[in-house]
Amino acid sequence: MPGTKRCIGCGRELPLSEFHFRSQATGERQSRCKSCVNQNLRKRRDQKRQSLLPRDLHGPGQVTVVIGPKGARYLRYPCEVCGKLMRYYESEILWHEARGTPRPRTCSQRCGGILRRVEASRSEGVTA
């Protein structure tokens, strides 16, 4: 039937408007329908997010995901010095993980200084 196409993802016969353009100049359409493409993208995004999440920060169960009042996703985990729960946007942590930069480990400059002194004394072999 003209004006329809079969999706290779779900196998349904759908109108051409349900397929993204491959090339608007030639009018060629993608082989998967919009819903299959969106479903596949969601699945890949979730897999990537799970692979980038810092799982082993402080042992099992220490990192919690919190949904904020406007739907933002936050990661909560404790400061390595005082144990105060810190809250960061999930996107901030993923940004650090993707670039290989260290994530925030302490809640304040004071705790950061304490942690640096403790780590320096450990590396020198002196017990703190």
PDB file of N, CA and C in Angstrom:
ATOM      1  N   MET A   1       0.855  -1.180   0.000  1.00  0.00           N
ATOM      2  CA  MET A   1       0.000   0.000   0.000  1.00  0.00           C
ATOM      3  C   MET A   1       0.901   1.243   0.000  1.00  0.00           C
ATOM      4  N   PRO A   2       0.671   2.198  -0.908  1.00  0.00           N
ATOM      5  CA  PRO A   2       1.498   3.404  -0.938  1.00  0.00           C
ATOM      6  C   PRO A   2       1.254   4.249   0.312  1.00  0.00           C
ATOM      7  N   GLY A   3       2.315   4.904   0.774  1.00  0.00           N
ATOM      8  CA  GLY A   3       2.201   5.748   1.957  1.00  0.00           C
ATOM      9  C   GLY A   3       2.396   4.985   3.256  1.00  0.00           C
ATOM     10  N   THR A   4       2.721   3.687   3.182  1.00  0.00           N
ATOM     11  CA  THR A   4       2.994   2.916   4.380  1.00  0.00           C
ATOM     12  C   THR A   4       4.323   2.195   4.228  1.00  0.00           C
ATOM     13  N   LYS A   5       4.830   1.725   5.368  1.00  0.00           N
ATOM     14  CA  LYS A   5       6.111   1.028   5.374  1.00  0.00           C
ATOM     15  C   LYS A   5       6.116   0.065   6.554  1.00  0.00           C
ATOM     16  N   ARG A   6       6.836  -1.053   6.413  1.00  0.00           N
ATOM     17  CA  ARG A   6       6.931  -2.036   7.493  1.00  0.00           C
ATOM     18  C   ARG A   6       8.180  -1.733   8.326  1.00  0.00           C
ATOM     19  N   CYS A   7       8.005  -1.657   9.636  1.00  0.00           N
ATOM     20  CA  CYS A   7       9.114  -1.408  10.570  1.00  0.00           C
ATOM     21  C   CYS A   7       9.869  -2.709  10.784  1.00  0.00           C
ATOM     22  N   ILE A   8      11.210  -2.656  10.699  1.00  0.00           N
ATOM     23  CA  ILE A   8      11.985  -3.876  10.925  1.00  0.00           C
ATOM     24  C   ILE A   8      12.153  -4.163  12.412  1.00  0.00           C
ATOM     25  N   GLY A   9      11.810  -3.207  13.274  1.00  0.00           N
ATOM     26  CA  GLY A   9      11.920  -3.414  14.717  1.00  0.00           C
ATOM     27  C   GLY A   9      10.727  -4.153  15.287  1.00  0.00           C
ATOM     28  N   CYS A  10       9.535  -3.655  15.012  1.00  0.00           N
ATOM     29  CA  CYS A  10       8.324  -4.255  15.582  1.00  0.00           C
ATOM     30  C   CYS A  10       7.525  -5.046  14.552  1.00  0.00           C
ATOM     31  N   GLY A  11       7.825  -4.866  13.262  1.00  0.00           N
ATOM     32  CA  GLY A  11       7.143  -5.623  12.217  1.00  0.00           C
ATOM     33  C   GLY A  11       5.784  -5.084  11.823  1.00  0.00           C
ATOM     34  N   ARG A  12       5.380  -3.940  12.375  1.00  0.00           N
ATOM     35  CA  ARG A  12       4.068  -3.372  12.055  1.00  0.00           C
ATOM     36  C   ARG A  12       4.121  -2.576  10.752  1.00  0.00           C
ATOM     37  N   GLU A  13       3.024  -2.550  10.052  1.00  0.00           N
ATOM     38  CA  GLU A  13       2.866  -1.729   8.847  1.00  0.00           C
ATOM     39  C   GLU A  13       2.320  -0.380   9.314  1.00  0.00           C
ATOM     40  N   LEU A  14       3.095   0.689   9.106  1.00  0.00           N
ATOM     41  CA  LEU A  14       2.732   2.011   9.630  1.00  0.00           C
ATOM     42  C   LEU A  14       2.777   3.050   8.522  1.00  0.00           C
ATOM     43  N   PRO A  15       2.066   4.181   8.719  1.00  0.00           N
ATOM     44  CA  PRO A  15       2.157   5.263   7.732  1.00  0.00           C
ATOM     45  C   PRO A  15       3.562   5.874   7.741  1.00  0.00           C
ATOM     46  N   LEU A  16       3.961   6.456   6.633  1.00  0.00           N
ATOM     47  CA  LEU A  16       5.301   7.026   6.498  1.00  0.00           C
ATOM     48  C   LEU A  16       5.585   8.116   7.528  1.00  0.00           C
ATOM     49  N   SER A  17       4.534   8.769   8.022  1.00  0.00           N
ATOM     50  CA  SER A  17       4.737   9.830   9.017  1.00  0.00           C
ATOM     51  C   SER A  17       5.275   9.274  10.338  1.00  0.00           C
ATOM     52  N   GLU A  18       5.191   7.954  10.541  1.00  0.00           N
ATOM     53  CA  GLU A  18       5.698   7.322  11.752  1.00  0.00           C
ATOM     54  C   GLU A  18       7.174   6.938  11.656  1.00  0.00           C
ATOM     55  N   PHE A  19       7.833   7.318  10.565  1.00  0.00           N
ATOM     56  CA  PHE A  19       9.247   7.025  10.358  1.00  0.00           C
ATOM     57  C   PHE A  19      10.011   8.328  10.195  1.00  0.00           C
ATOM     58  N   HIS A  20      11.169   8.439  10.866  1.00  0.00           N
ATOM     59  CA  HIS A  20      12.021   9.614  10.698  1.00  0.00           C
ATOM     60  C   HIS A  20      12.625   9.600   9.295  1.00  0.00           C
ATOM     61  N   PHE A  21      12.965  10.787   8.791  1.00  0.00           N
ATOM     62  CA  PHE A  21      13.643  10.884   7.501  1.00  0.00           C
ATOM     63  C   PHE A  21      15.081  10.397   7.629  1.00  0.00           C
ATOM     64  N   ARG A  22      15.546   9.643   6.653  1.00  0.00           N
ATOM     65  CA  ARG A  22      16.961   9.330   6.526  1.00  0.00           C
ATOM     66  C   ARG A  22      17.613  10.459   5.741  1.00  0.00           C
ATOM     67  N   SER A  23      16.912  10.914   4.695  1.00  0.00           N
ATOM     68  CA  SER A  23      17.368  12.043   3.883  1.00  0.00           C
ATOM     69  C   SER A  23      16.136  12.802   3.417  1.00  0.00           C
ATOM     70  N   GLN A  24      16.004  14.035   3.861  1.00  0.00           N
ATOM     71  CA  GLN A  24      14.846  14.822   3.432  1.00  0.00           C
ATOM     72  C   GLN A  24      14.951  15.200   1.965  1.00  0.00           C
ATOM     73  N   ALA A  25      16.154  15.310   1.455  1.00  0.00           N
ATOM     74  CA  ALA A  25      16.332  15.699   0.054  1.00  0.00           C
ATOM     75  C   ALA A  25      15.740  14.634  -0.874  1.00  0.00           C
ATOM     76  N   THR A  26      15.963  13.358  -0.548  1.00  0.00           N
ATOM     77  CA  THR A  26      15.459  12.278  -1.407  1.00  0.00           C
ATOM     78  C   THR A  26      14.130  11.725  -0.912  1.00  0.00           C
ATOM     79  N   GLY A  27      13.716  12.082   0.297  1.00  0.00           N
ATOM     80  CA  GLY A  27      12.465  11.578   0.860  1.00  0.00           C
ATOM     81  C   GLY A  27      12.596  10.182   1.444  1.00  0.00           C
ATOM     82  N   GLU A  28      13.802   9.676   1.544  1.00  0.00           N
ATOM     83  CA  GLU A  28      14.046   8.337   2.081  1.00  0.00           C
ATOM     84  C   GLU A  28      13.784   8.326   3.587  1.00  0.00           C
ATOM     85  N   ARG A  29      13.175   7.247   4.073  1.00  0.00           N
ATOM     86  CA  ARG A  29      12.835   7.126   5.499  1.00  0.00           C
ATOM     87  C   ARG A  29      13.691   6.079   6.194  1.00  0.00           C
ATOM     88  N   GLN A  30      13.791   6.181   7.529  1.00  0.00           N
ATOM     89  CA  GLN A  30      14.517   5.197   8.339  1.00  0.00           C
ATOM     90  C   GLN A  30      13.798   3.847   8.266  1.00  0.00           C
ATOM     91  N   SER A  31      14.477   2.782   8.650  1.00  0.00           N
ATOM     92  CA  SER A  31      13.867   1.453   8.584  1.00  0.00           C
ATOM     93  C   SER A  31      13.103   1.096   9.857  1.00  0.00           C
ATOM     94  N   ARG A  32      13.340   1.820  10.949  1.00  0.00           N
ATOM     95  CA  ARG A  32      12.608   1.585  12.200  1.00  0.00           C
ATOM     96  C   ARG A  32      11.661   2.751  12.450  1.00  0.00           C
ATOM     97  N   CYS A  33      10.497   2.443  13.027  1.00  0.00           N
ATOM     98  CA  CYS A  33       9.510   3.491  13.318  1.00  0.00           C
ATOM     99  C   CYS A  33       9.989   4.356  14.487  1.00  0.00           C
ATOM    100  N   LYS A  34       9.348   5.492  14.660  1.00  0.00           N
ATOM    101  CA  LYS A  34       9.750   6.441  15.698  1.00  0.00           C
ATOM    102  C   LYS A  34       9.667   5.825  17.090  1.00  0.00           C
ATOM    103  N   SER A  35       8.639   5.038  17.364  1.00  0.00           N
ATOM    104  CA  SER A  35       8.509   4.455  18.708  1.00  0.00           C
ATOM    105  C   SER A  35       9.608   3.429  18.963  1.00  0.00           C
ATOM    106  N   CYS A  36      10.002   2.641  17.945  1.00  0.00           N
ATOM    107  CA  CYS A  36      11.100   1.680  18.130  1.00  0.00           C
ATOM    108  C   CYS A  36      12.428   2.415  18.346  1.00  0.00           C
ATOM    109  N   VAL A  37      12.653   3.486  17.591  1.00  0.00           N
ATOM    110  CA  VAL A  37      13.879   4.272  17.746  1.00  0.00           C
ATOM    111  C   VAL A  37      13.940   4.864  19.145  1.00  0.00           C
ATOM    112  N   ASN A  38      12.835   5.463  19.602  1.00  0.00           N
ATOM    113  CA  ASN A  38      12.802   6.072  20.936  1.00  0.00           C
ATOM    114  C   ASN A  38      12.997   5.024  22.033  1.00  0.00           C
ATOM    115  N   GLN A  39      12.376   3.868  21.879  1.00  0.00           N
ATOM    116  CA  GLN A  39      12.516   2.799  22.866  1.00  0.00           C
ATOM    117  C   GLN A  39      13.973   2.323  22.928  1.00  0.00           C
ATOM    118  N   ASN A  40      14.598   2.183  21.777  1.00  0.00           N
ATOM    119  CA  ASN A  40      15.993   1.751  21.716  1.00  0.00           C
ATOM    120  C   ASN A  40      16.917   2.797  22.348  1.00  0.00           C
ATOM    121  N   LEU A  41      16.667   4.080  22.075  1.00  0.00           N
ATOM    122  CA  LEU A  41      17.487   5.149  22.654  1.00  0.00           C
ATOM    123  C   LEU A  41      17.353   5.178  24.175  1.00  0.00           C
ATOM    124  N   ARG A  42      16.116   5.022  24.679  1.00  0.00           N
ATOM    125  CA  ARG A  42      15.905   4.993  26.129  1.00  0.00           C
ATOM    126  C   ARG A  42      16.680   3.846  26.772  1.00  0.00           C
ATOM    127  N   LYS A  43      16.608   2.680  26.151  1.00  0.00           N
ATOM    128  CA  LYS A  43      17.297   1.500  26.677  1.00  0.00           C
ATOM    129  C   LYS A  43      18.807   1.722  26.703  1.00  0.00           C
ATOM    130  N   ARG A  44      19.372   2.262  25.621  1.00  0.00           N
ATOM    131  CA  ARG A  44      20.811   2.519  25.565  1.00  0.00           C
ATOM    132  C   ARG A  44      21.225   3.581  26.576  1.00  0.00           C
ATOM    133  N   ARG A  45      20.399   4.627  26.740  1.00  0.00           N
ATOM    134  CA  ARG A  45      20.713   5.689  27.700  1.00  0.00           C
ATOM    135  C   ARG A  45      20.723   5.139  29.129  1.00  0.00           C
ATOM    136  N   ASP A  46      19.743   4.286  29.455  1.00  0.00           N
ATOM    137  CA  ASP A  46      19.692   3.692  30.792  1.00  0.00           C
ATOM    138  C   ASP A  46      20.878   2.766  31.029  1.00  0.00           C
ATOM    139  N   GLN A  47      21.273   1.988  30.013  1.00  0.00           N
ATOM    140  CA  GLN A  47      22.439   1.115  30.159  1.00  0.00           C
ATOM    141  C   GLN A  47      23.700   1.931  30.384  1.00  0.00           C
ATOM    142  N   LYS A  48      23.836   3.020  29.644  1.00  0.00           N
ATOM    143  CA  LYS A  48      25.013   3.878  29.800  1.00  0.00           C
ATOM    144  C   LYS A  48      25.020   4.518  31.184  1.00  0.00           C
ATOM    145  N   ARG A  49      23.865   4.987  31.619  1.00  0.00           N
ATOM    146  CA  ARG A  49      23.764   5.616  32.942  1.00  0.00           C
ATOM    147  C   ARG A  49      24.168   4.624  34.030  1.00  0.00           C
ATOM    148  N   GLN A  50      23.696   3.380  33.924  1.00  0.00           N
ATOM    149  CA  GLN A  50      24.043   2.378  34.926  1.00  0.00           C
ATOM    150  C   GLN A  50      25.529   2.046  34.900  1.00  0.00           C
ATOM    151  N   SER A  51      26.131   2.055  33.716  1.00  0.00           N
ATOM    152  CA  SER A  51      27.557   1.725  33.646  1.00  0.00           C
ATOM    153  C   SER A  51      28.421   2.854  34.199  1.00  0.00           C
ATOM    154  N   LEU A  52      27.910   4.094  34.171  1.00  0.00           N
ATOM    155  CA  LEU A  52      28.702   5.223  34.647  1.00  0.00           C
ATOM    156  C   LEU A  52      28.457   5.551  36.115  1.00  0.00           C
ATOM    157  N   LEU A  53      27.396   5.008  36.710  1.00  0.00           N
ATOM    158  CA  LEU A  53      27.097   5.333  38.101  1.00  0.00           C
ATOM    159  C   LEU A  53      28.212   4.830  39.016  1.00  0.00           C
ATOM    160  N   PRO A  54      28.611   5.629  39.980  1.00  0.00           N
ATOM    161  CA  PRO A  54      29.660   5.205  40.911  1.00  0.00           C
ATOM    162  C   PRO A  54      29.109   4.184  41.899  1.00  0.00           C
ATOM    163  N   ARG A  55      29.246   2.904  41.611  1.00  0.00           N
ATOM    164  CA  ARG A  55      28.649   1.845  42.416  1.00  0.00           C
ATOM    165  C   ARG A  55      29.428   1.548  43.690  1.00  0.00           C
ATOM    166  N   ASP A  56      30.746   1.606  43.636  1.00  0.00           N
ATOM    167  CA  ASP A  56      31.559   1.139  44.752  1.00  0.00           C
ATOM    168  C   ASP A  56      32.161   2.282  45.565  1.00  0.00           C
ATOM    169  N   LEU A  57      31.417   3.347  45.731  1.00  0.00           N
ATOM    170  CA  LEU A  57      31.965   4.510  46.426  1.00  0.00           C
ATOM    171  C   LEU A  57      32.262   4.204  47.891  1.00  0.00           C
ATOM    172  N   HIS A  58      31.284   3.739  48.613  1.00  0.00           N
ATOM    173  CA  HIS A  58      31.439   3.543  50.057  1.00  0.00           C
ATOM    174  C   HIS A  58      30.844   2.221  50.491  1.00  0.00           C
ATOM    175  N   GLY A  59      30.862   1.247  49.626  1.00  0.00           N
ATOM    176  CA  GLY A  59      30.275  -0.041  49.968  1.00  0.00           C
ATOM    177  C   GLY A  59      28.850  -0.119  49.473  1.00  0.00           C
ATOM    178  N   PRO A  60      28.229  -1.274  49.607  1.00  0.00           N
ATOM    179  CA  PRO A  60      26.881  -1.467  49.083  1.00  0.00           C
ATOM    180  C   PRO A  60      25.848  -0.644  49.844  1.00  0.00           C
ATOM    181  N   GLY A  61      24.949  -0.049  49.100  1.00  0.00           N
ATOM    182  CA  GLY A  61      23.826   0.663  49.693  1.00  0.00           C
ATOM    183  C   GLY A  61      24.116   2.067  50.174  1.00  0.00           C
ATOM    184  N   GLN A  62      25.326   2.573  49.999  1.00  0.00           N
ATOM    185  CA  GLN A  62      25.649   3.901  50.507  1.00  0.00           C
ATOM    186  C   GLN A  62      25.222   5.013  49.551  1.00  0.00           C
ATOM    187  N   VAL A  63      25.160   4.725  48.256  1.00  0.00           N
ATOM    188  CA  VAL A  63      24.741   5.724  47.284  1.00  0.00           C
ATOM    189  C   VAL A  63      23.257   5.534  47.031  1.00  0.00           C
ATOM    190  N   THR A  64      22.481   6.601  47.209  1.00  0.00           N
ATOM    191  CA  THR A  64      21.049   6.515  46.951  1.00  0.00           C
ATOM    192  C   THR A  64      20.669   7.537  45.900  1.00  0.00           C
ATOM    193  N   VAL A  65      19.695   7.180  45.083  1.00  0.00           N
ATOM    194  CA  VAL A  65      19.175   8.087  44.071  1.00  0.00           C
ATOM    195  C   VAL A  65      17.890   8.678  44.625  1.00  0.00           C
ATOM    196  N   VAL A  66      17.776  10.003  44.583  1.00  0.00           N
ATOM    197  CA  VAL A  66      16.618  10.712  45.107  1.00  0.00           C
ATOM    198  C   VAL A  66      16.017  11.528  43.977  1.00  0.00           C
ATOM    199  N   ILE A  67      14.698  11.492  43.851  1.00  0.00           N
ATOM    200  CA  ILE A  67      14.009  12.310  42.860  1.00  0.00           C
ATOM    201  C   ILE A  67      13.562  13.590  43.564  1.00  0.00           C
ATOM    202  N   GLY A  68      14.020  14.735  43.048  1.00  0.00           N
ATOM    203  CA  GLY A  68      13.697  16.022  43.650  1.00  0.00           C
ATOM    204  C   GLY A  68      12.269  16.446  43.361  1.00  0.00           C
ATOM    205  N   PRO A  69      11.843  17.601  43.918  1.00  0.00           N
ATOM    206  CA  PRO A  69      10.460  18.050  43.762  1.00  0.00           C
ATOM    207  C   PRO A  69      10.076  18.358  42.313  1.00  0.00           C
ATOM    208  N   LYS A  70      11.036  18.755  41.495  1.00  0.00           N
ATOM    209  CA  LYS A  70      10.729  19.068  40.094  1.00  0.00           C
ATOM    210  C   LYS A  70      11.145  17.939  39.158  1.00  0.00           C
ATOM    211  N   GLY A  71      11.421  16.758  39.710  1.00  0.00           N
ATOM    212  CA  GLY A  71      11.745  15.603  38.900  1.00  0.00           C
ATOM    213  C   GLY A  71      13.230  15.400  38.639  1.00  0.00           C
ATOM    214  N   ALA A  72      14.082  16.264  39.202  1.00  0.00           N
ATOM    215  CA  ALA A  72      15.526  16.110  39.009  1.00  0.00           C
ATOM    216  C   ALA A  72      16.016  14.910  39.800  1.00  0.00           C
ATOM    217  N   ARG A  73      16.995  14.191  39.239  1.00  0.00           N
ATOM    218  CA  ARG A  73      17.572  13.027  39.919  1.00  0.00           C
ATOM    219  C   ARG A  73      18.850  13.456  40.629  1.00  0.00           C
ATOM    220  N   TYR A  74      18.931  13.130  41.913  1.00  0.00           N
ATOM    221  CA  TYR A  74      20.090  13.446  42.733  1.00  0.00           C
ATOM    222  C   TYR A  74      20.724  12.162  43.226  1.00  0.00           C
ATOM    223  N   LEU A  75      22.035  12.202  43.409  1.00  0.00           N
ATOM    224  CA  LEU A  75      22.731  11.115  44.089  1.00  0.00           C
ATOM    225  C   LEU A  75      23.116  11.625  45.462  1.00  0.00           C
ATOM    226  N   ARG A  76      22.840  10.825  46.476  1.00  0.00           N
ATOM    227  CA  ARG A  76      23.222  11.186  47.839  1.00  0.00           C
ATOM    228  C   ARG A  76      24.225  10.179  48.328  1.00  0.00           C
ATOM    229  N   TYR A  77      25.340  10.676  48.838  1.00  0.00           N
ATOM    230  CA  TYR A  77      26.333   9.797  49.442  1.00  0.00           C
ATOM    231  C   TYR A  77      27.066  10.571  50.517  1.00  0.00           C
ATOM    232  N   PRO A  78      27.671   9.863  51.475  1.00  0.00           N
ATOM    233  CA  PRO A  78      28.265  10.535  52.628  1.00  0.00           C
ATOM    234  C   PRO A  78      29.631  11.139  52.329  1.00  0.00           C
ATOM    235  N   CYS A  79      29.946  12.208  53.051  1.00  0.00           N
ATOM    236  CA  CYS A  79      31.280  12.812  53.029  1.00  0.00           C
ATOM    237  C   CYS A  79      32.249  11.777  53.601  1.00  0.00           C
ATOM    238  N   GLU A  80      33.428  11.669  53.013  1.00  0.00           N
ATOM    239  CA  GLU A  80      34.389  10.661  53.460  1.00  0.00           C
ATOM    240  C   GLU A  80      35.015  10.995  54.817  1.00  0.00           C
ATOM    241  N   VAL A  81      34.846  12.234  55.297  1.00  0.00           N
ATOM    242  CA  VAL A  81      35.441  12.621  56.576  1.00  0.00           C
ATOM    243  C   VAL A  81      34.403  12.620  57.691  1.00  0.00           C
ATOM    244  N   CYS A  82      33.337  13.408  57.520  1.00  0.00           N
ATOM    245  CA  CYS A  82      32.385  13.571  58.618  1.00  0.00           C
ATOM    246  C   CYS A  82      31.121  12.727  58.471  1.00  0.00           C
ATOM    247  N   GLY A  83      30.880  12.169  57.270  1.00  0.00           N
ATOM    248  CA  GLY A  83      29.707  11.331  57.078  1.00  0.00           C
ATOM    249  C   GLY A  83      28.440  12.076  56.729  1.00  0.00           C
ATOM    250  N   LYS A  84      28.498  13.407  56.635  1.00  0.00           N
ATOM    251  CA  LYS A  84      27.326  14.194  56.265  1.00  0.00           C
ATOM    252  C   LYS A  84      26.891  13.794  54.851  1.00  0.00           C
ATOM    253  N   LEU A  85      25.572  13.654  54.659  1.00  0.00           N
ATOM    254  CA  LEU A  85      25.079  13.273  53.336  1.00  0.00           C
ATOM    255  C   LEU A  85      25.178  14.458  52.378  1.00  0.00           C
ATOM    256  N   MET A  86      25.837  14.216  51.260  1.00  0.00           N
ATOM    257  CA  MET A  86      25.966  15.244  50.227  1.00  0.00           C
ATOM    258  C   MET A  86      24.973  14.911  49.122  1.00  0.00           C
ATOM    259  N   ARG A  87      24.463  15.933  48.458  1.00  0.00           N
ATOM    260  CA  ARG A  87      23.503  15.724  47.377  1.00  0.00           C
ATOM    261  C   ARG A  87      24.018  16.432  46.131  1.00  0.00           C
ATOM    262  N   TYR A  88      24.184  15.665  45.066  1.00  0.00           N
ATOM    263  CA  TYR A  88      24.637  16.213  43.788  1.00  0.00           C
ATOM    264  C   TYR A  88      23.691  15.760  42.700  1.00  0.00           C
ATOM    265  N   TYR A  89      23.495  16.632  41.696  1.00  0.00           N
ATOM    266  CA  TYR A  89      22.728  16.215  40.534  1.00  0.00           C
ATOM    267  C   TYR A  89      23.391  14.993  39.921  1.00  0.00           C
ATOM    268  N   GLU A  90      22.594  14.048  39.487  1.00  0.00           N
ATOM    269  CA  GLU A  90      23.130  12.852  38.845  1.00  0.00           C
ATOM    270  C   GLU A  90      23.991  13.231  37.640  1.00  0.00           C
ATOM    271  N   SER A  91      23.581  14.263  36.915  1.00  0.00           N
ATOM    272  CA  SER A  91      24.336  14.670  35.727  1.00  0.00           C
ATOM    273  C   SER A  91      25.735  15.171  36.100  1.00  0.00           C
ATOM    274  N   GLU A  92      25.891  15.802  37.285  1.00  0.00           N
ATOM    275  CA  GLU A  92      27.223  16.251  37.716  1.00  0.00           C
ATOM    276  C   GLU A  92      28.153  15.059  37.943  1.00  0.00           C
ATOM    277  N   ILE A  93      27.642  14.022  38.612  1.00  0.00           N
ATOM    278  CA  ILE A  93      28.459  12.844  38.901  1.00  0.00           C
ATOM    279  C   ILE A  93      28.796  12.114  37.600  1.00  0.00           C
ATOM    280  N   LEU A  94      27.802  11.980  36.710  1.00  0.00           N
ATOM    281  CA  LEU A  94      28.047  11.323  35.426  1.00  0.00           C
ATOM    282  C   LEU A  94      29.070  12.103  34.605  1.00  0.00           C
ATOM    283  N   TRP A  95      29.030  13.431  34.698  1.00  0.00           N
ATOM    284  CA  TRP A  95      29.993  14.277  33.977  1.00  0.00           C
ATOM    285  C   TRP A  95      31.403  13.967  34.467  1.00  0.00           C
ATOM    286  N   HIS A  96      31.587  13.900  35.796  1.00  0.00           N
ATOM    287  CA  HIS A  96      32.902  13.584  36.361  1.00  0.00           C
ATOM    288  C   HIS A  96      33.351  12.178  35.944  1.00  0.00           C
ATOM    289  N   GLU A  97      32.433  11.204  36.039  1.00  0.00           N
ATOM    290  CA  GLU A  97      32.779   9.825  35.714  1.00  0.00           C
ATOM    291  C   GLU A  97      33.161   9.684  34.241  1.00  0.00           C
ATOM    292  N   ALA A  98      32.435  10.352  33.354  1.00  0.00           N
ATOM    293  CA  ALA A  98      32.698  10.234  31.919  1.00  0.00           C
ATOM    294  C   ALA A  98      34.049  10.837  31.545  1.00  0.00           C
ATOM    295  N   ARG A  99      34.466  11.873  32.241  1.00  0.00           N
ATOM    296  CA  ARG A  99      35.724  12.543  31.914  1.00  0.00           C
ATOM    297  C   ARG A  99      36.911  12.018  32.724  1.00  0.00           C
ATOM    298  N   GLY A 100      36.638  11.144  33.660  1.00  0.00           N
ATOM    299  CA  GLY A 100      37.714  10.583  34.469  1.00  0.00           C
ATOM    300  C   GLY A 100      38.240  11.533  35.524  1.00  0.00           C
ATOM    301  N   THR A 101      37.510  12.594  35.815  1.00  0.00           N
ATOM    302  CA  THR A 101      37.926  13.527  36.860  1.00  0.00           C
ATOM    303  C   THR A 101      37.364  13.053  38.193  1.00  0.00           C
ATOM    304  N   PRO A 102      38.033  13.389  39.278  1.00  0.00           N
ATOM    305  CA  PRO A 102      37.534  12.913  40.577  1.00  0.00           C
ATOM    306  C   PRO A 102      36.204  13.559  40.933  1.00  0.00           C
ATOM    307  N   ARG A 103      35.324  12.769  41.471  1.00  0.00           N
ATOM    308  CA  ARG A 103      34.038  13.293  41.928  1.00  0.00           C
ATOM    309  C   ARG A 103      34.246  13.981  43.267  1.00  0.00           C
ATOM    310  N   PRO A 104      33.311  14.804  43.701  1.00  0.00           N
ATOM    311  CA  PRO A 104      33.433  15.417  45.021  1.00  0.00           C
ATOM    312  C   PRO A 104      33.443  14.342  46.110  1.00  0.00           C
ATOM    313  N   ARG A 105      34.421  14.396  47.004  1.00  0.00           N
ATOM    314  CA  ARG A 105      34.546  13.379  48.057  1.00  0.00           C
ATOM    315  C   ARG A 105      34.203  13.933  49.433  1.00  0.00           C
ATOM    316  N   THR A 106      34.240  15.250  49.585  1.00  0.00           N
ATOM    317  CA  THR A 106      33.989  15.850  50.892  1.00  0.00           C
ATOM    318  C   THR A 106      32.918  16.915  50.776  1.00  0.00           C
ATOM    319  N   CYS A 107      32.326  17.250  51.912  1.00  0.00           N
ATOM    320  CA  CYS A 107      31.211  18.195  51.915  1.00  0.00           C
ATOM    321  C   CYS A 107      31.664  19.656  52.003  1.00  0.00           C
ATOM    322  N   SER A 108      32.903  19.899  52.432  1.00  0.00           N
ATOM    323  CA  SER A 108      33.361  21.278  52.603  1.00  0.00           C
ATOM    324  C   SER A 108      34.875  21.362  52.425  1.00  0.00           C
ATOM    325  N   GLN A 109      35.384  22.599  52.375  1.00  0.00           N
ATOM    326  CA  GLN A 109      36.833  22.790  52.279  1.00  0.00           C
ATOM    327  C   GLN A 109      37.525  22.283  53.545  1.00  0.00           C
ATOM    328  N   ARG A 110      36.860  22.446  54.673  1.00  0.00           N
ATOM    329  CA  ARG A 110      37.442  21.975  55.938  1.00  0.00           C
ATOM    330  C   ARG A 110      37.648  20.466  55.901  1.00  0.00           C
ATOM    331  N   CYS A 111      36.615  19.717  55.492  1.00  0.00           N
ATOM    332  CA  CYS A 111      36.742  18.259  55.398  1.00  0.00           C
ATOM    333  C   CYS A 111      37.753  17.873  54.316  1.00  0.00           C
ATOM    334  N   GLY A 112      37.831  18.648  53.250  1.00  0.00           N
ATOM    335  CA  GLY A 112      38.811  18.389  52.199  1.00  0.00           C
ATOM    336  C   GLY A 112      40.232  18.501  52.725  1.00  0.00           C
ATOM    337  N   GLY A 113      40.488  19.522  53.553  1.00  0.00           N
ATOM    338  CA  GLY A 113      41.805  19.693  54.151  1.00  0.00           C
ATOM    339  C   GLY A 113      42.162  18.542  55.071  1.00  0.00           C
ATOM    340  N   ILE A 114      41.193  18.113  55.873  1.00  0.00           N
ATOM    341  CA  ILE A 114      41.422  16.984  56.777  1.00  0.00           C
ATOM    342  C   ILE A 114      41.755  15.732  55.975  1.00  0.00           C
ATOM    343  N   LEU A 115      40.996  15.481  54.914  1.00  0.00           N
ATOM    344  CA  LEU A 115      41.227  14.295  54.092  1.00  0.00           C
ATOM    345  C   LEU A 115      42.604  14.332  53.434  1.00  0.00           C
ATOM    346  N   ARG A 116      43.011  15.489  52.943  1.00  0.00           N
ATOM    347  CA  ARG A 116      44.338  15.607  52.323  1.00  0.00           C
ATOM    348  C   ARG A 116      45.449  15.332  53.333  1.00  0.00           C
ATOM    349  N   ARG A 117      45.299  15.857  54.563  1.00  0.00           N
ATOM    350  CA  ARG A 117      46.310  15.606  55.598  1.00  0.00           C
ATOM    351  C   ARG A 117      46.366  14.130  55.972  1.00  0.00           C
ATOM    352  N   VAL A 118      45.209  13.487  56.096  1.00  0.00           N
ATOM    353  CA  VAL A 118      45.162  12.064  56.443  1.00  0.00           C
ATOM    354  C   VAL A 118      45.806  11.241  55.334  1.00  0.00           C
ATOM    355  N   GLU A 119      45.472  11.542  54.075  1.00  0.00           N
ATOM    356  CA  GLU A 119      46.048  10.779  52.963  1.00  0.00           C
ATOM    357  C   GLU A 119      47.551  11.017  52.849  1.00  0.00           C
ATOM    358  N   ALA A 120      48.011  12.244  53.131  1.00  0.00           N
ATOM    359  CA  ALA A 120      49.447  12.539  53.081  1.00  0.00           C
ATOM    360  C   ALA A 120      50.178  11.764  54.176  1.00  0.00           C
ATOM    361  N   SER A 121      49.591  11.691  55.367  1.00  0.00           N
ATOM    362  CA  SER A 121      50.244  10.972  56.459  1.00  0.00           C
ATOM    363  C   SER A 121      50.269   9.467  56.175  1.00  0.00           C
ATOM    364  N   ARG A 122      49.233   8.948  55.523  1.00  0.00           N
ATOM    365  CA  ARG A 122      49.221   7.528  55.156  1.00  0.00           C
ATOM    366  C   ARG A 122      50.304   7.221  54.144  1.00  0.00           C
ATOM    367  N   SER A 123      50.482   8.124  53.181  1.00  0.00           N
ATOM    368  CA  SER A 123      51.480   7.874  52.131  1.00  0.00           C
ATOM    369  C   SER A 123      52.897   7.981  52.691  1.00  0.00           C
ATOM    370  N   GLU A 124      53.082   8.740  53.761  1.00  0.00           N
ATOM    371  CA  GLU A 124      54.406   8.865  54.384  1.00  0.00           C
ATOM    372  C   GLU A 124      54.670   7.729  55.370  1.00  0.00           C
ATOM    373  N   GLY A 125      53.647   6.950  55.671  1.00  0.00           N
ATOM    374  CA  GLY A 125      53.805   5.839  56.599  1.00  0.00           C
ATOM    375  C   GLY A 125      53.550   6.227  58.044  1.00  0.00           C
ATOM    376  N   VAL A 126      53.112   7.451  58.293  1.00  0.00           N
ATOM    377  CA  VAL A 126      52.838   7.914  59.654  1.00  0.00           C
ATOM    378  C   VAL A 126      51.365   7.671  59.918  1.00  0.00           C
ATOM    379  N   THR A 127      51.021   7.126  61.074  1.00  0.00           N
ATOM    380  CA  THR A 127      49.627   6.901  61.421  1.00  0.00           C
ATOM    381  C   THR A 127      49.051   8.169  62.004  1.00  0.00           C
ATOM    382  N   ALA A 128      47.831   8.443  61.649  1.00  0.00           N
ATOM    383  CA  ALA A 128      47.188   9.676  62.131  1.00  0.00           C
ATOM    384  C   ALA A 128      46.270   9.390  63.281  1.00  0.00           C
TER     385      ALA A 128
END
